Every structure is written in C-alpha cells, then in structure tokens.
C-alpha cells in the first residue's frame, strides 16, 4: 500500500476534509447554515484548511457575526496566505459594517493573491466602497474591472449603469465638457 492510499497520511486527511467542505458548501447554498457551520467545523477537526475556515466564516456572516467571520478568515490566511477568498471576505465584512477605509487594504490584497479564481469580487467590492464614499470615478473603474474579469457578472454591469447615471449631468446643468 502506498502512502497516498493510506488513510492516515496528511494528503488523505486533507482530501477527506475537503470532501466534508464540499458537503458543507452544498448545505450552505441551500440556506442550512447551522448544519453547514457544523460540517465546516468537522472538516477543520479532520484537517484544517483555508477553505474550511473561509467558508465557515462566510456562513457565520449570514447571521451578521462579522467578528467570528473575520477571525475565521485570519485563520485561513495563516494556513494559506496565497488563498484570495479570505482577503476579499474580510474586506466585504468591513464594507457591510460601514468601515469603508478598513475594507480597502483587504480587497487590494485579494487582488494580489496568487490562488484566487474570482478577482471580479474584490474589484466589485472596491467599486461598492468607492461608490459609498462618493468617489464615483474610482467606483466606475472598479466596476468596469469586475466586468472585465467576468463579462457575465450582471450585478457589475448594473452598477456601471447606475454610476454612469450619477455622473451624467442633470438637465439644465452645464456639462463638464
């Protein structure tokens, strides 16, 4: 029997933990948050992964438990600093709490992460930050970058139109041109 086939090897434990993360994620997407959190925790007990901590934090954020969610994201970063999701999530949690300036560095770190499949999300969240700060040109830049990353990201397309409408001169006002 090779090391990879032995159930007590680190790789086997990690694989088992990630299978549990997959089951937890399915429950999470069905809105069964308590069960999902329990399974994410079970996964962590088997083998701690950045994914399990990040997704458990995300599930906790649905109950507005942002402190616990951020704590889980920090644990994820400690395990895998290259995993982009927890950086974006911390930024998003600060954004949800109205702590706009605290959100920005985390969202920028997400954009620099080497292991991340959805760079459109931190771009979009930066757009949200700048829109809320009234920095509409910056918001538009980030919303466009989000749409460039994912041309099917309809929420970003709507945000671009909303910000463009805010930037357009009102009837009777002189244009900036």
C-alpha atoms as a PDB file:
ATOM      1  CA  UNK A   1       0.000   0.000   0.000  1.00  0.00           C
ATOM      2  CA  UNK A   2       1.472   3.377  -0.996  1.00  0.00           C
ATOM      3  CA  UNK A   3       1.473   6.441   1.263  1.00  0.00           C
ATOM      4  CA  UNK A   4      -1.263   8.018  -0.889  1.00  0.00           C
ATOM      5  CA  UNK A   5      -3.564   5.056  -0.272  1.00  0.00           C
ATOM      6  CA  UNK A   6      -3.030   5.025   3.493  1.00  0.00           C
ATOM      7  CA  UNK A   7      -5.991   6.794   5.149  1.00  0.00           C
ATOM      8  CA  UNK A   8      -3.826   8.351   7.887  1.00  0.00           C
ATOM      9  CA  UNK A   9      -1.490  10.289   5.589  1.00  0.00           C
ATOM     10  CA  UNK A  10      -1.683  14.074   5.530  1.00  0.00           C
ATOM     11  CA  UNK A  11      -2.868  14.014   1.898  1.00  0.00           C
ATOM     12  CA  UNK A  12      -5.637  11.505   2.711  1.00  0.00           C
ATOM     13  CA  UNK A  13      -6.764  13.583   5.698  1.00  0.00           C
ATOM     14  CA  UNK A  14      -6.761  16.762   3.594  1.00  0.00           C
ATOM     15  CA  UNK A  15      -8.784  15.026   0.895  1.00  0.00           C
ATOM     16  CA  UNK A  16     -11.284  13.762   3.483  1.00  0.00           C
ATOM     17  CA  UNK A  17     -11.528  17.263   4.982  1.00  0.00           C
ATOM     18  CA  UNK A  18     -12.150  18.814   1.563  1.00  0.00           C
ATOM     19  CA  UNK A  19     -14.895  16.267   0.854  1.00  0.00           C
ATOM     20  CA  UNK A  20     -16.597  17.408   4.061  1.00  0.00           C
ATOM     21  CA  UNK A  21     -16.153  21.048   2.950  1.00  0.00           C
ATOM     22  CA  UNK A  22     -17.963  20.129  -0.271  1.00  0.00           C
ATOM     23  CA  UNK A  23     -20.906  18.683   1.667  1.00  0.00           C
ATOM     24  CA  UNK A  24     -20.954  21.711   3.962  1.00  0.00           C
ATOM     25  CA  UNK A  25     -20.945  24.039   0.956  1.00  0.00           C
ATOM     26  CA  UNK A  26     -23.975  22.254  -0.517  1.00  0.00           C
ATOM     27  CA  UNK A  27     -25.876  22.762   2.743  1.00  0.00           C
ATOM     28  CA  UNK A  28     -24.660  26.359   2.874  1.00  0.00           C
ATOM     29  CA  UNK A  29     -26.070  27.039  -0.603  1.00  0.00           C
ATOM     30  CA  UNK A  30     -29.406  25.550   0.492  1.00  0.00           C
ATOM     31  CA  UNK A  31     -29.502  28.006   3.400  1.00  0.00           C
ATOM     32  CA  UNK A  32     -28.903  25.345   6.059  1.00  0.00           C
ATOM     33  CA  UNK A  33     -26.322  27.480   7.815  1.00  0.00           C
ATOM     34  CA  UNK A  34     -26.165  25.750  11.198  1.00  0.00           C
ATOM     35  CA  UNK A  35     -25.598  22.357   9.587  1.00  0.00           C
ATOM     36  CA  UNK A  36     -23.064  23.854   7.190  1.00  0.00           C
ATOM     37  CA  UNK A  37     -21.132  25.503  10.029  1.00  0.00           C
ATOM     38  CA  UNK A  38     -21.104  22.201  11.890  1.00  0.00           C
ATOM     39  CA  UNK A  39     -19.702  20.375   8.859  1.00  0.00           C
ATOM     40  CA  UNK A  40     -17.110  23.091   8.192  1.00  0.00           C
ATOM     41  CA  UNK A  41     -16.031  22.648  11.825  1.00  0.00           C
ATOM     42  CA  UNK A  42     -15.923  18.855  11.366  1.00  0.00           C
ATOM     43  CA  UNK A  43     -13.693  19.391   8.326  1.00  0.00           C
ATOM     44  CA  UNK A  44     -11.358  21.594  10.375  1.00  0.00           C
ATOM     45  CA  UNK A  45     -11.166  18.889  13.042  1.00  0.00           C
ATOM     46  CA  UNK A  46     -10.108  16.357  10.378  1.00  0.00           C
ATOM     47  CA  UNK A  47      -7.534  18.647   8.733  1.00  0.00           C
ATOM     48  CA  UNK A  48      -7.587  22.456   8.983  1.00  0.00           C
ATOM     49  CA  UNK A  49      -7.771  24.119   5.566  1.00  0.00           C
ATOM     50  CA  UNK A  50      -8.034  27.702   4.422  1.00  0.00           C
ATOM     51  CA  UNK A  51     -11.179  26.776   2.514  1.00  0.00           C
ATOM     52  CA  UNK A  52     -12.985  25.373   5.565  1.00  0.00           C
ATOM     53  CA  UNK A  53     -12.151  28.404   7.703  1.00  0.00           C
ATOM     54  CA  UNK A  54     -13.085  30.870   4.946  1.00  0.00           C
ATOM     55  CA  UNK A  55     -16.397  29.220   4.128  1.00  0.00           C
ATOM     56  CA  UNK A  56     -17.276  28.753   7.801  1.00  0.00           C
ATOM     57  CA  UNK A  57     -16.642  32.467   8.285  1.00  0.00           C
ATOM     58  CA  UNK A  58     -18.815  33.234   5.277  1.00  0.00           C
ATOM     59  CA  UNK A  59     -21.629  31.129   6.767  1.00  0.00           C
ATOM     60  CA  UNK A  60     -21.278  32.967  10.086  1.00  0.00           C
ATOM     61  CA  UNK A  61     -21.520  36.299   8.267  1.00  0.00           C
ATOM     62  CA  UNK A  62     -25.060  35.429   7.174  1.00  0.00           C
ATOM     63  CA  UNK A  63     -26.004  35.806  10.853  1.00  0.00           C
ATOM     64  CA  UNK A  64     -24.077  39.114  10.968  1.00  0.00           C
ATOM     65  CA  UNK A  65     -21.423  37.506  13.216  1.00  0.00           C
ATOM     66  CA  UNK A  66     -18.719  39.518  11.479  1.00  0.00           C
ATOM     67  CA  UNK A  67     -16.166  39.273  14.301  1.00  0.00           C
ATOM     68  CA  UNK A  68     -16.237  35.458  14.161  1.00  0.00           C
ATOM     69  CA  UNK A  69     -16.220  35.552  10.352  1.00  0.00           C
ATOM     70  CA  UNK A  70     -13.152  37.803  10.309  1.00  0.00           C
ATOM     71  CA  UNK A  71     -11.431  35.612  12.895  1.00  0.00           C
ATOM     72  CA  UNK A  72     -12.002  32.548  10.687  1.00  0.00           C
ATOM     73  CA  UNK A  73     -10.620  34.433   7.681  1.00  0.00           C
ATOM     74  CA  UNK A  74      -7.459  35.301   9.628  1.00  0.00           C
ATOM     75  CA  UNK A  75      -7.036  31.605  10.446  1.00  0.00           C
ATOM     76  CA  UNK A  76      -7.450  30.818   6.748  1.00  0.00           C
ATOM     77  CA  UNK A  77      -4.764  33.361   5.840  1.00  0.00           C
ATOM     78  CA  UNK A  78      -2.432  31.877   8.460  1.00  0.00           C
ATOM     79  CA  UNK A  79      -2.841  28.472   6.776  1.00  0.00           C
ATOM     80  CA  UNK A  80      -2.578  29.697   3.176  1.00  0.00           C
ATOM     81  CA  UNK A  81      -1.572  33.322   2.586  1.00  0.00           C
ATOM     82  CA  UNK A  82      -1.940  32.821  -1.195  1.00  0.00           C
ATOM     83  CA  UNK A  83      -5.675  31.970  -0.984  1.00  0.00           C
ATOM     84  CA  UNK A  84      -7.567  35.092  -2.089  1.00  0.00           C
ATOM     85  CA  UNK A  85     -11.057  34.441  -0.743  1.00  0.00           C
ATOM     86  CA  UNK A  86     -10.440  35.350   2.916  1.00  0.00           C
ATOM     87  CA  UNK A  87      -8.910  38.711   1.993  1.00  0.00           C
ATOM     88  CA  UNK A  88     -11.958  39.618  -0.097  1.00  0.00           C
ATOM     89  CA  UNK A  89     -14.283  38.345   2.600  1.00  0.00           C
ATOM     90  CA  UNK A  90     -12.642  40.432   5.341  1.00  0.00           C
ATOM     91  CA  UNK A  91     -12.981  43.468   3.084  1.00  0.00           C
ATOM     92  CA  UNK A  92     -16.614  42.626   2.394  1.00  0.00           C
ATOM     93  CA  UNK A  93     -17.348  42.226   6.120  1.00  0.00           C
ATOM     94  CA  UNK A  94     -15.826  45.637   6.865  1.00  0.00           C
ATOM     95  CA  UNK A  95     -17.858  47.067   3.987  1.00  0.00           C
ATOM     96  CA  UNK A  96     -21.055  45.558   5.419  1.00  0.00           C
ATOM     97  CA  UNK A  97     -20.271  47.213   8.753  1.00  0.00           C
ATOM     98  CA  UNK A  98     -19.703  50.600   7.090  1.00  0.00           C
ATOM     99  CA  UNK A  99     -15.954  50.534   7.825  1.00  0.00           C
ATOM    100  CA  UNK A 100     -15.040  51.565   4.297  1.00  0.00           C
ATOM    101  CA  UNK A 101     -11.429  52.600   4.840  1.00  0.00           C
ATOM    102  CA  UNK A 102     -10.727  49.330   6.694  1.00  0.00           C
ATOM    103  CA  UNK A 103     -12.126  47.357   3.750  1.00  0.00           C
ATOM    104  CA  UNK A 104      -9.824  48.804   1.084  1.00  0.00           C
ATOM    105  CA  UNK A 105      -6.468  47.195   2.007  1.00  0.00           C
ATOM    106  CA  UNK A 106      -8.059  43.754   2.354  1.00  0.00           C
ATOM    107  CA  UNK A 107      -9.737  43.993  -1.033  1.00  0.00           C
ATOM    108  CA  UNK A 108      -6.459  45.118  -2.609  1.00  0.00           C
ATOM    109  CA  UNK A 109      -4.681  42.128  -1.020  1.00  0.00           C
ATOM    110  CA  UNK A 110      -7.311  39.835  -2.562  1.00  0.00           C
ATOM    111  CA  UNK A 111      -6.390  41.241  -5.978  1.00  0.00           C
ATOM    112  CA  UNK A 112      -2.741  40.285  -5.365  1.00  0.00           C
ATOM    113  CA  UNK A 113      -3.443  36.752  -4.127  1.00  0.00           C
ATOM    114  CA  UNK A 114      -1.958  34.041  -6.323  1.00  0.00           C
ATOM    115  CA  UNK A 115      -4.630  31.429  -5.605  1.00  0.00           C
ATOM    116  CA  UNK A 116      -7.952  33.043  -6.421  1.00  0.00           C
ATOM    117  CA  UNK A 117     -10.497  32.268  -9.122  1.00  0.00           C
ATOM    118  CA  UNK A 118     -12.822  35.255  -8.771  1.00  0.00           C
ATOM    119  CA  UNK A 119     -10.920  38.531  -8.972  1.00  0.00           C
ATOM    120  CA  UNK A 120     -14.193  40.127 -10.073  1.00  0.00           C
ATOM    121  CA  UNK A 121     -15.432  40.059  -6.460  1.00  0.00           C
ATOM    122  CA  UNK A 122     -12.765  42.276  -4.859  1.00  0.00           C
ATOM    123  CA  UNK A 123     -12.987  44.595  -7.867  1.00  0.00           C
ATOM    124  CA  UNK A 124     -16.750  44.814  -7.409  1.00  0.00           C
ATOM    125  CA  UNK A 125     -16.415  45.316  -3.652  1.00  0.00           C
ATOM    126  CA  UNK A 126     -13.888  48.112  -4.213  1.00  0.00           C
ATOM    127  CA  UNK A 127     -16.462  49.674  -6.535  1.00  0.00           C
ATOM    128  CA  UNK A 128     -19.027  49.454  -3.734  1.00  0.00           C
ATOM    129  CA  UNK A 129     -16.600  51.074  -1.285  1.00  0.00           C
ATOM    130  CA  UNK A 130     -15.815  53.996  -3.588  1.00  0.00           C
ATOM    131  CA  UNK A 131     -19.439  54.467  -4.591  1.00  0.00           C
ATOM    132  CA  UNK A 132     -20.419  54.724  -0.928  1.00  0.00           C
ATOM    133  CA  UNK A 133     -17.568  57.188  -0.359  1.00  0.00           C
ATOM    134  CA  UNK A 134     -18.883  59.303  -3.236  1.00  0.00           C
ATOM    135  CA  UNK A 135     -15.756  58.678  -5.333  1.00  0.00           C
ATOM    136  CA  UNK A 136     -17.735  57.766  -8.419  1.00  0.00           C
ATOM    137  CA  UNK A 137     -14.907  57.742 -10.983  1.00  0.00           C
ATOM    138  CA  UNK A 138     -12.986  55.272  -8.795  1.00  0.00           C
ATOM    139  CA  UNK A 139     -16.138  53.212  -8.316  1.00  0.00           C
ATOM    140  CA  UNK A 140     -16.716  53.092 -12.053  1.00  0.00           C
ATOM    141  CA  UNK A 141     -13.116  51.992 -12.647  1.00  0.00           C
ATOM    142  CA  UNK A 142     -13.507  49.044 -10.262  1.00  0.00           C
ATOM    143  CA  UNK A 143     -16.956  48.050 -11.515  1.00  0.00           C
ATOM    144  CA  UNK A 144     -15.563  48.008 -15.071  1.00  0.00           C
ATOM    145  CA  UNK A 145     -12.606  45.901 -13.915  1.00  0.00           C
ATOM    146  CA  UNK A 146     -15.049  43.463 -12.286  1.00  0.00           C
ATOM    147  CA  UNK A 147     -16.961  43.170 -15.546  1.00  0.00           C
ATOM    148  CA  UNK A 148     -13.702  42.733 -17.479  1.00  0.00           C
ATOM    149  CA  UNK A 149     -12.803  39.857 -15.156  1.00  0.00           C
ATOM    150  CA  UNK A 150     -16.226  38.267 -15.591  1.00  0.00           C
ATOM    151  CA  UNK A 151     -18.214  39.576 -18.576  1.00  0.00           C
ATOM    152  CA  UNK A 152     -21.304  37.688 -17.322  1.00  0.00           C
ATOM    153  CA  UNK A 153     -21.290  39.470 -13.945  1.00  0.00           C
ATOM    154  CA  UNK A 154     -24.668  41.185 -14.340  1.00  0.00           C
ATOM    155  CA  UNK A 155     -24.517  42.952 -10.964  1.00  0.00           C
ATOM    156  CA  UNK A 156     -21.345  44.743 -12.074  1.00  0.00           C
ATOM    157  CA  UNK A 157     -22.989  45.768 -15.356  1.00  0.00           C
ATOM    158  CA  UNK A 158     -25.913  47.240 -13.428  1.00  0.00           C
ATOM    159  CA  UNK A 159     -23.538  49.071 -11.086  1.00  0.00           C
ATOM    160  CA  UNK A 160     -21.732  50.605 -14.066  1.00  0.00           C
ATOM    161  CA  UNK A 161     -25.022  51.933 -15.447  1.00  0.00           C
ATOM    162  CA  UNK A 162     -26.054  53.253 -12.024  1.00  0.00           C
ATOM    163  CA  UNK A 163     -22.768  55.117 -11.517  1.00  0.00           C
ATOM    164  CA  UNK A 164     -22.743  56.441 -15.092  1.00  0.00           C
ATOM    165  CA  UNK A 165     -26.236  57.835 -14.458  1.00  0.00           C
ATOM    166  CA  UNK A 166     -24.992  59.539 -11.277  1.00  0.00           C
ATOM    167  CA  UNK A 167     -22.072  61.037 -13.211  1.00  0.00           C
ATOM    168  CA  UNK A 168     -24.224  62.298 -16.104  1.00  0.00           C
ATOM    169  CA  UNK A 169     -25.091  65.976 -15.955  1.00  0.00           C
ATOM    170  CA  UNK A 170     -28.653  66.663 -14.914  1.00  0.00           C
ATOM    171  CA  UNK A 171     -30.938  68.507 -17.301  1.00  0.00           C
ATOM    172  CA  UNK A 172     -30.266  72.225 -17.057  1.00  0.00           C
ATOM    173  CA  UNK A 173     -26.791  71.753 -15.568  1.00  0.00           C
ATOM    174  CA  UNK A 174     -23.722  72.596 -17.607  1.00  0.00           C
ATOM    175  CA  UNK A 175     -21.749  69.562 -18.764  1.00  0.00           C
ATOM    176  CA  UNK A 176     -18.165  69.060 -17.688  1.00  0.00           C
ATOM    177  CA  UNK A 177     -17.014  69.053 -21.328  1.00  0.00           C
END
